């Protein structure tokens, strides 16, 4: 291996020092550029609070109120995760643009695929069975009763 390197070094002639200097400068330039880049680590995962116990004497109204409050917390967490996902998506779009990709076309195709998946899921899910109400319907009923 060393002998091969010596043979190639001798064949390079007068340009060997120029080639070595240019190679070293390119390598230094790449590593210097990478060193200057600002990088952020991944976002820390959201803190999870586990429910330890429920009171055995809760009324139906307390259970419904608890479910609605829990649903609102879940929606807030989902909103935060969506915000983080959007930040990551923007980072990848920037990388894609720098790489010469048509990120707008890719985004349109991804949105079309997601819309098709959502439509298939909605069709598969169908309506709620008779007598079953969603959390939104219960919240609306409570708002009407409060007025």
Protein backbone atom coordinates (compact mmCIF):
# COMPACT_ATOMS: atom_id res chain seq x y z
CA UNK A 1 0.00 0.00 0.00
CA UNK A 2 2.81 2.43 0.87
CA UNK A 3 4.75 1.25 -2.17
CA UNK A 4 1.75 1.98 -4.39
CA UNK A 5 1.48 5.47 -2.93
CA UNK A 6 5.19 6.11 -3.58
CA UNK A 7 4.82 4.95 -7.19
CA UNK A 8 1.86 7.25 -7.81
CA UNK A 9 3.65 10.14 -6.05
CA UNK A 10 6.66 9.75 -8.34
CA UNK A 11 4.46 9.58 -11.46
CA UNK A 12 2.78 12.88 -10.64
CA UNK A 13 5.92 14.75 -11.62
CA UNK A 14 6.23 18.46 -10.91
CA UNK A 15 2.52 18.88 -10.18
CA UNK A 16 2.43 16.57 -7.17
CA UNK A 17 2.89 19.36 -4.62
CA UNK A 18 0.24 21.50 -6.32
CA UNK A 19 -2.20 18.59 -6.37
CA UNK A 20 -1.48 17.79 -2.70
CA UNK A 21 -1.96 21.45 -1.71
CA UNK A 22 -5.20 21.73 -3.70
CA UNK A 23 -6.52 18.51 -2.14
CA UNK A 24 -5.62 19.70 1.35
CA UNK A 25 -7.25 23.10 0.70
CA UNK A 26 -10.46 21.47 -0.55
CA UNK A 27 -10.59 19.15 2.44
CA UNK A 28 -9.91 22.03 4.81
CA UNK A 29 -12.60 24.14 3.11
CA UNK A 30 -15.25 21.43 3.44
CA UNK A 31 -14.51 20.77 7.09
CA UNK A 32 -14.28 24.50 7.88
CA UNK A 33 -17.69 25.08 6.29
CA UNK A 34 -19.22 22.19 8.23
CA UNK A 35 -17.69 23.52 11.46
CA UNK A 36 -19.32 26.92 10.95
CA UNK A 37 -22.81 25.52 10.35
CA UNK A 38 -25.28 26.04 13.16
CA UNK A 39 -27.12 22.87 14.07
CA UNK A 40 -30.02 22.25 16.39
CA UNK A 41 -30.71 18.91 17.96
CA UNK A 42 -34.13 17.31 17.78
CA UNK A 43 -36.86 18.79 19.93
CA UNK A 44 -37.28 17.07 23.31
CA UNK A 45 -40.36 14.86 23.44
CA UNK A 46 -43.41 16.27 25.23
CA UNK A 47 -43.72 15.50 28.92
CA UNK A 48 -46.36 12.85 29.59
CA UNK A 49 -48.53 12.88 32.69
CA UNK A 50 -50.04 9.51 33.51
CA UNK A 51 -53.38 9.19 35.29
CA UNK A 52 -52.75 7.23 38.46
CA UNK A 53 -56.28 6.74 39.80
CA UNK A 54 -59.84 7.83 39.32
CA UNK A 55 -62.28 8.48 42.08
CA UNK A 56 -64.86 5.73 42.27
CA UNK A 57 -67.60 8.20 43.11
CA UNK A 58 -67.42 10.41 40.02
CA UNK A 59 -70.68 11.52 38.49
CA UNK A 60 -71.46 11.23 34.79
CA UNK A 61 -71.01 14.99 34.40
CA UNK A 62 -67.55 14.85 36.03
CA UNK A 63 -66.53 12.02 33.73
CA UNK A 64 -67.70 13.95 30.66
CA UNK A 65 -65.96 17.13 31.85
CA UNK A 66 -62.78 15.15 32.47
CA UNK A 67 -62.99 13.60 29.01
CA UNK A 68 -63.47 17.02 27.38
CA UNK A 69 -60.52 18.50 29.30
CA UNK A 70 -58.39 15.52 28.32
CA UNK A 71 -59.43 15.92 24.68
CA UNK A 72 -58.40 19.59 24.78
CA UNK A 73 -55.00 18.61 26.21
CA UNK A 74 -54.58 16.02 23.47
CA UNK A 75 -55.45 18.61 20.83
CA UNK A 76 -52.91 21.04 22.32
CA UNK A 77 -50.22 18.34 22.20
CA UNK A 78 -51.20 17.47 18.62
CA UNK A 79 -50.97 21.16 17.69
CA UNK A 80 -47.48 21.40 19.23
CA UNK A 81 -46.36 18.25 17.43
CA UNK A 82 -47.74 19.63 14.16
CA UNK A 83 -45.76 22.83 14.74
CA UNK A 84 -42.57 20.84 15.33
CA UNK A 85 -43.25 18.70 12.26
CA UNK A 86 -43.69 21.86 10.19
CA UNK A 87 -40.31 23.17 11.42
CA UNK A 88 -38.65 19.90 10.43
CA UNK A 89 -40.48 19.94 7.08
CA UNK A 90 -39.16 23.46 6.40
CA UNK A 91 -35.62 22.34 7.19
CA UNK A 92 -35.92 19.45 4.75
CA UNK A 93 -37.43 21.75 2.10
CA UNK A 94 -34.44 24.06 2.47
CA UNK A 95 -32.08 21.12 2.06
CA UNK A 96 -34.07 19.97 -0.97
CA UNK A 97 -33.91 23.42 -2.59
CA UNK A 98 -30.16 23.56 -1.97
CA UNK A 99 -29.85 20.12 -3.59
CA UNK A 100 -31.73 21.29 -6.69
CA UNK A 101 -34.99 19.44 -6.05
CA UNK A 102 -38.43 20.80 -6.96
CA UNK A 103 -39.76 20.79 -3.40
CA UNK A 104 -43.06 22.44 -4.37
CA UNK A 105 -43.86 19.60 -6.77
CA UNK A 106 -42.91 17.03 -4.14
CA UNK A 107 -45.12 18.82 -1.58
CA UNK A 108 -48.10 18.87 -3.99
CA UNK A 109 -47.71 15.14 -4.67
CA UNK A 110 -47.48 14.39 -0.93
CA UNK A 111 -50.59 16.48 -0.22
CA UNK A 112 -52.52 14.65 -2.94
CA UNK A 113 -51.49 11.28 -1.49
CA UNK A 114 -52.47 12.41 2.02
CA UNK A 115 -55.85 13.66 0.79
CA UNK A 116 -56.49 10.30 -0.88
CA UNK A 117 -55.54 8.45 2.33
CA UNK A 118 -57.78 10.73 4.42
CA UNK A 119 -60.72 10.21 2.05
CA UNK A 120 -60.24 6.43 2.18
CA UNK A 121 -60.04 6.53 6.00
CA UNK A 122 -63.16 8.69 6.27
CA UNK A 123 -65.06 6.38 3.92
CA UNK A 124 -63.88 3.34 5.90
CA UNK A 125 -64.82 4.92 9.24
CA UNK A 126 -68.34 5.95 8.30
CA UNK A 127 -70.80 7.45 10.77
CA UNK A 128 -71.02 6.88 14.50
CA UNK A 129 -73.49 4.19 15.58
CA UNK A 130 -76.94 5.31 16.73
CA UNK A 131 -76.88 6.65 20.30
CA UNK A 132 -73.11 7.33 20.32
CA UNK A 133 -72.01 10.95 20.57
CA UNK A 134 -68.64 12.50 19.91
CA UNK A 135 -66.77 14.73 22.35
CA UNK A 136 -67.60 17.77 20.19
CA UNK A 137 -71.33 17.00 20.37
CA UNK A 138 -71.21 16.64 24.16
CA UNK A 139 -69.30 19.93 24.50
CA UNK A 140 -71.89 21.69 22.32
CA UNK A 141 -74.73 20.23 24.42
CA UNK A 142 -73.07 21.45 27.63
CA UNK A 143 -72.58 24.93 26.15
CA UNK A 144 -76.25 25.09 25.20
CA UNK A 145 -77.29 23.95 28.68
CA UNK A 146 -75.04 26.57 30.31
CA UNK A 147 -76.67 29.37 28.33
